[in-house]
Each structure stands twice: as structure tokens, then as C-alpha cells.
Amino acid sequence: EATLDLAERRRIRSAIRELQRQELEQDEETLASKRFRPERSSHRQDDKENWPQSRRLEEEQQAALAALSEQLESITSVEELTKLLRAAGEYEERKLIRAAIRKLRAEEIE
């Protein structure tokens, strides 16, 4: 409500500012606690549900990489390996092929 006393107006304004400052501090504390909150348990539950499938896919990929590694041992041409490298889609496959190419080139140099 309206008041004509200037001192009372100052007290009211300072009280309003103090309330606003306290409210901002509370909001900052709330945000900080949300920022560093640990993961929710539902996310971990999703991981548990998908774990057998991802584990199976990982095992299949490892088996495929082992087979590719054996195949690379039998190839003695850098050109063939380069063709395989261009056709490979997975990073791990390309990594193995590049290692085989380096190995062949090192043997040629020796």
C-alpha cells in the first residue's frame, strides 16, 4: 500500500531486495543439487535389460574380428589388403587391416 514516509519506503525496498536475494540463492542451490545428482535408477535398469543383447553382439564382433585376423595372416599382397581396407566398414576391422599392411611393408623393407 502507499506510504508517504520515505524512511519506511526505504525499509520496504530493502526488505524486498533481501527476499529476492534469498530466493535467488535458493534457486542456485536447487540447480546445483540437480546438476550433480547421480544417475536415476531407471537408466541403470535399462542397461540391465539391454546387457544380454549388447554382450551377445560384442561376442559376435570379437569372433568376426578373430576370423578376419586369421584371414589377414594368409594374405601376402598389400594391394589385396588395401582393397579390404576400402571395403571395411567397422573401425576395428580397418584397424586390423592397417596393422597387417604395416606388418607386410615392414617385412618387405627387411
C-alpha atoms as a PDB file:
ATOM      1  CA  GLU A   1       0.000   0.000   0.000  1.00  0.00           C
ATOM      2  CA  ALA A   2       1.021   3.609  -0.419  1.00  0.00           C
ATOM      3  CA  THR A   3       3.017   5.357   2.255  1.00  0.00           C
ATOM      4  CA  LEU A   4       4.347   8.878   2.367  1.00  0.00           C
ATOM      5  CA  ASP A   5       7.202   8.235   4.818  1.00  0.00           C
ATOM      6  CA  LEU A   6      10.500   7.986   2.870  1.00  0.00           C
ATOM      7  CA  ALA A   7      12.280   6.010   5.598  1.00  0.00           C
ATOM      8  CA  GLU A   8       9.519   3.424   5.601  1.00  0.00           C
ATOM      9  CA  ARG A   9       9.732   3.168   1.771  1.00  0.00           C
ATOM     10  CA  ARG A  10      13.489   2.506   2.060  1.00  0.00           C
ATOM     11  CA  ARG A  11      12.906  -0.247   4.635  1.00  0.00           C
ATOM     12  CA  ILE A  12      10.270  -1.841   2.405  1.00  0.00           C
ATOM     13  CA  ARG A  13      12.543  -1.703  -0.655  1.00  0.00           C
ATOM     14  CA  SER A  14      15.481  -3.181   1.263  1.00  0.00           C
ATOM     15  CA  ALA A  15      13.232  -5.963   2.628  1.00  0.00           C
ATOM     16  CA  ILE A  16      12.044  -6.736  -0.915  1.00  0.00           C
ATOM     17  CA  ARG A  17      15.653  -6.828  -2.174  1.00  0.00           C
ATOM     18  CA  GLU A  18      16.641  -9.171   0.678  1.00  0.00           C
ATOM     19  CA  LEU A  19      13.740 -11.511  -0.132  1.00  0.00           C
ATOM     20  CA  GLN A  20      14.723 -11.520  -3.816  1.00  0.00           C
ATOM     21  CA  ARG A  21      18.363 -12.266  -2.912  1.00  0.00           C
ATOM     22  CA  GLN A  22      17.325 -15.162  -0.676  1.00  0.00           C
ATOM     23  CA  GLU A  23      15.079 -16.532  -3.404  1.00  0.00           C
ATOM     24  CA  LEU A  24      17.937 -16.383  -5.932  1.00  0.00           C
ATOM     25  CA  GLU A  25      20.274 -18.190  -3.534  1.00  0.00           C
ATOM     26  CA  GLN A  26      17.692 -20.930  -3.012  1.00  0.00           C
ATOM     27  CA  ASP A  27      17.252 -21.295  -6.784  1.00  0.00           C
ATOM     28  CA  GLU A  28      21.021 -21.542  -7.266  1.00  0.00           C
ATOM     29  CA  GLU A  29      21.285 -24.199  -4.546  1.00  0.00           C
ATOM     30  CA  THR A  30      18.475 -26.174  -6.164  1.00  0.00           C
ATOM     31  CA  LEU A  31      20.142 -26.007  -9.571  1.00  0.00           C
ATOM     32  CA  ALA A  32      23.492 -27.045  -8.127  1.00  0.00           C
ATOM     33  CA  SER A  33      21.963 -30.051  -6.399  1.00  0.00           C
ATOM     34  CA  LYS A  34      20.221 -31.095  -9.629  1.00  0.00           C
ATOM     35  CA  ARG A  35      23.433 -30.701 -11.650  1.00  0.00           C
ATOM     36  CA  PHE A  36      25.375 -33.145  -9.517  1.00  0.00           C
ATOM     37  CA  ARG A  37      22.577 -35.615  -8.842  1.00  0.00           C
ATOM     38  CA  PRO A  38      23.580 -39.244  -9.526  1.00  0.00           C
ATOM     39  CA  GLU A  39      22.013 -41.121 -12.422  1.00  0.00           C
ATOM     40  CA  ARG A  40      18.475 -42.288 -11.955  1.00  0.00           C
ATOM     41  CA  SER A  41      17.925 -45.945 -11.224  1.00  0.00           C
ATOM     42  CA  SER A  42      15.609 -46.361 -14.247  1.00  0.00           C
ATOM     43  CA  HIS A  43      18.562 -45.665 -16.557  1.00  0.00           C
ATOM     44  CA  ARG A  44      20.571 -48.384 -14.854  1.00  0.00           C
ATOM     45  CA  GLN A  45      17.583 -50.703 -15.176  1.00  0.00           C
ATOM     46  CA  ASP A  46      17.524 -50.090 -18.950  1.00  0.00           C
ATOM     47  CA  ASP A  47      21.190 -51.027 -19.076  1.00  0.00           C
ATOM     48  CA  LYS A  48      20.471 -54.266 -17.249  1.00  0.00           C
ATOM     49  CA  GLU A  49      17.696 -55.127 -19.692  1.00  0.00           C
ATOM     50  CA  ASN A  50      19.875 -54.456 -22.729  1.00  0.00           C
ATOM     51  CA  TRP A  51      23.006 -56.064 -21.309  1.00  0.00           C
ATOM     52  CA  PRO A  52      22.484 -59.640 -22.646  1.00  0.00           C
ATOM     53  CA  GLN A  53      21.846 -58.359 -26.152  1.00  0.00           C
ATOM     54  CA  SER A  54      24.822 -55.987 -26.158  1.00  0.00           C
ATOM     55  CA  ARG A  55      27.017 -58.705 -24.664  1.00  0.00           C
ATOM     56  CA  ARG A  56      25.975 -61.120 -27.422  1.00  0.00           C
ATOM     57  CA  LEU A  57      26.688 -58.527 -30.114  1.00  0.00           C
ATOM     58  CA  GLU A  58      30.100 -57.822 -28.599  1.00  0.00           C
ATOM     59  CA  GLU A  59      30.941 -61.524 -28.571  1.00  0.00           C
ATOM     60  CA  GLU A  60      29.861 -61.859 -32.220  1.00  0.00           C
ATOM     61  CA  GLN A  61      32.022 -58.882 -33.161  1.00  0.00           C
ATOM     62  CA  GLN A  62      35.012 -60.374 -31.351  1.00  0.00           C
ATOM     63  CA  ALA A  63      34.515 -63.685 -33.194  1.00  0.00           C
ATOM     64  CA  ALA A  64      34.302 -61.851 -36.535  1.00  0.00           C
ATOM     65  CA  LEU A  65      37.483 -59.914 -35.757  1.00  0.00           C
ATOM     66  CA  ALA A  66      39.310 -63.110 -34.836  1.00  0.00           C
ATOM     67  CA  ALA A  67      38.245 -64.691 -38.141  1.00  0.00           C
ATOM     68  CA  LEU A  68      39.372 -61.563 -40.016  1.00  0.00           C
ATOM     69  CA  SER A  69      42.710 -61.653 -38.226  1.00  0.00           C
ATOM     70  CA  GLU A  70      43.265 -65.254 -39.350  1.00  0.00           C
ATOM     71  CA  GLN A  71      42.284 -64.310 -42.903  1.00  0.00           C
ATOM     72  CA  LEU A  72      44.739 -61.400 -42.885  1.00  0.00           C
ATOM     73  CA  GLU A  73      47.567 -63.738 -41.868  1.00  0.00           C
ATOM     74  CA  SER A  74      47.160 -65.651 -45.145  1.00  0.00           C
ATOM     75  CA  ILE A  75      47.161 -62.540 -47.392  1.00  0.00           C
ATOM     76  CA  THR A  76      50.595 -61.536 -48.646  1.00  0.00           C
ATOM     77  CA  SER A  77      49.673 -58.722 -51.013  1.00  0.00           C
ATOM     78  CA  VAL A  78      49.440 -55.093 -49.936  1.00  0.00           C
ATOM     79  CA  GLU A  79      47.037 -54.438 -52.825  1.00  0.00           C
ATOM     80  CA  GLU A  80      44.586 -57.066 -51.554  1.00  0.00           C
ATOM     81  CA  LEU A  81      44.787 -55.636 -48.072  1.00  0.00           C
ATOM     82  CA  THR A  82      44.178 -52.155 -49.438  1.00  0.00           C
ATOM     83  CA  LYS A  83      41.040 -53.406 -51.226  1.00  0.00           C
ATOM     84  CA  LEU A  84      39.851 -54.993 -47.989  1.00  0.00           C
ATOM     85  CA  LEU A  85      40.583 -51.755 -46.145  1.00  0.00           C
ATOM     86  CA  ARG A  86      38.434 -49.741 -48.556  1.00  0.00           C
ATOM     87  CA  ALA A  87      35.588 -52.256 -48.247  1.00  0.00           C
ATOM     88  CA  ALA A  88      35.714 -52.485 -44.445  1.00  0.00           C
ATOM     89  CA  GLY A  89      33.010 -50.665 -42.547  1.00  0.00           C
ATOM     90  CA  GLU A  90      33.901 -51.091 -38.910  1.00  0.00           C
ATOM     91  CA  TYR A  91      36.703 -49.196 -37.180  1.00  0.00           C
ATOM     92  CA  GLU A  92      38.134 -52.312 -35.560  1.00  0.00           C
ATOM     93  CA  GLU A  93      38.264 -54.105 -38.935  1.00  0.00           C
ATOM     94  CA  ARG A  94      40.108 -51.187 -40.538  1.00  0.00           C
ATOM     95  CA  LYS A  95      42.480 -51.102 -37.571  1.00  0.00           C
ATOM     96  CA  LEU A  96      43.396 -54.780 -38.034  1.00  0.00           C
ATOM     97  CA  ILE A  97      43.853 -54.375 -41.786  1.00  0.00           C
ATOM     98  CA  ARG A  98      46.089 -51.322 -41.374  1.00  0.00           C
ATOM     99  CA  ALA A  99      48.198 -53.253 -38.877  1.00  0.00           C
ATOM    100  CA  ALA A 100      48.533 -56.109 -41.383  1.00  0.00           C
ATOM    101  CA  ILE A 101      49.568 -53.652 -44.110  1.00  0.00           C
ATOM    102  CA  ARG A 102      52.215 -52.134 -41.816  1.00  0.00           C
ATOM    103  CA  LYS A 103      53.478 -55.597 -40.968  1.00  0.00           C
ATOM    104  CA  LEU A 104      53.781 -56.585 -44.665  1.00  0.00           C
ATOM    105  CA  ARG A 105      55.567 -53.354 -45.550  1.00  0.00           C
ATOM    106  CA  ALA A 106      57.986 -53.830 -42.653  1.00  0.00           C
ATOM    107  CA  GLU A 107      58.715 -57.367 -43.877  1.00  0.00           C
ATOM    108  CA  GLU A 108      59.300 -56.066 -47.423  1.00  0.00           C
ATOM    109  CA  ILE A 109      61.751 -53.474 -46.131  1.00  0.00           C
ATOM    110  CA  GLU A 110      63.687 -56.085 -44.158  1.00  0.00           C
END
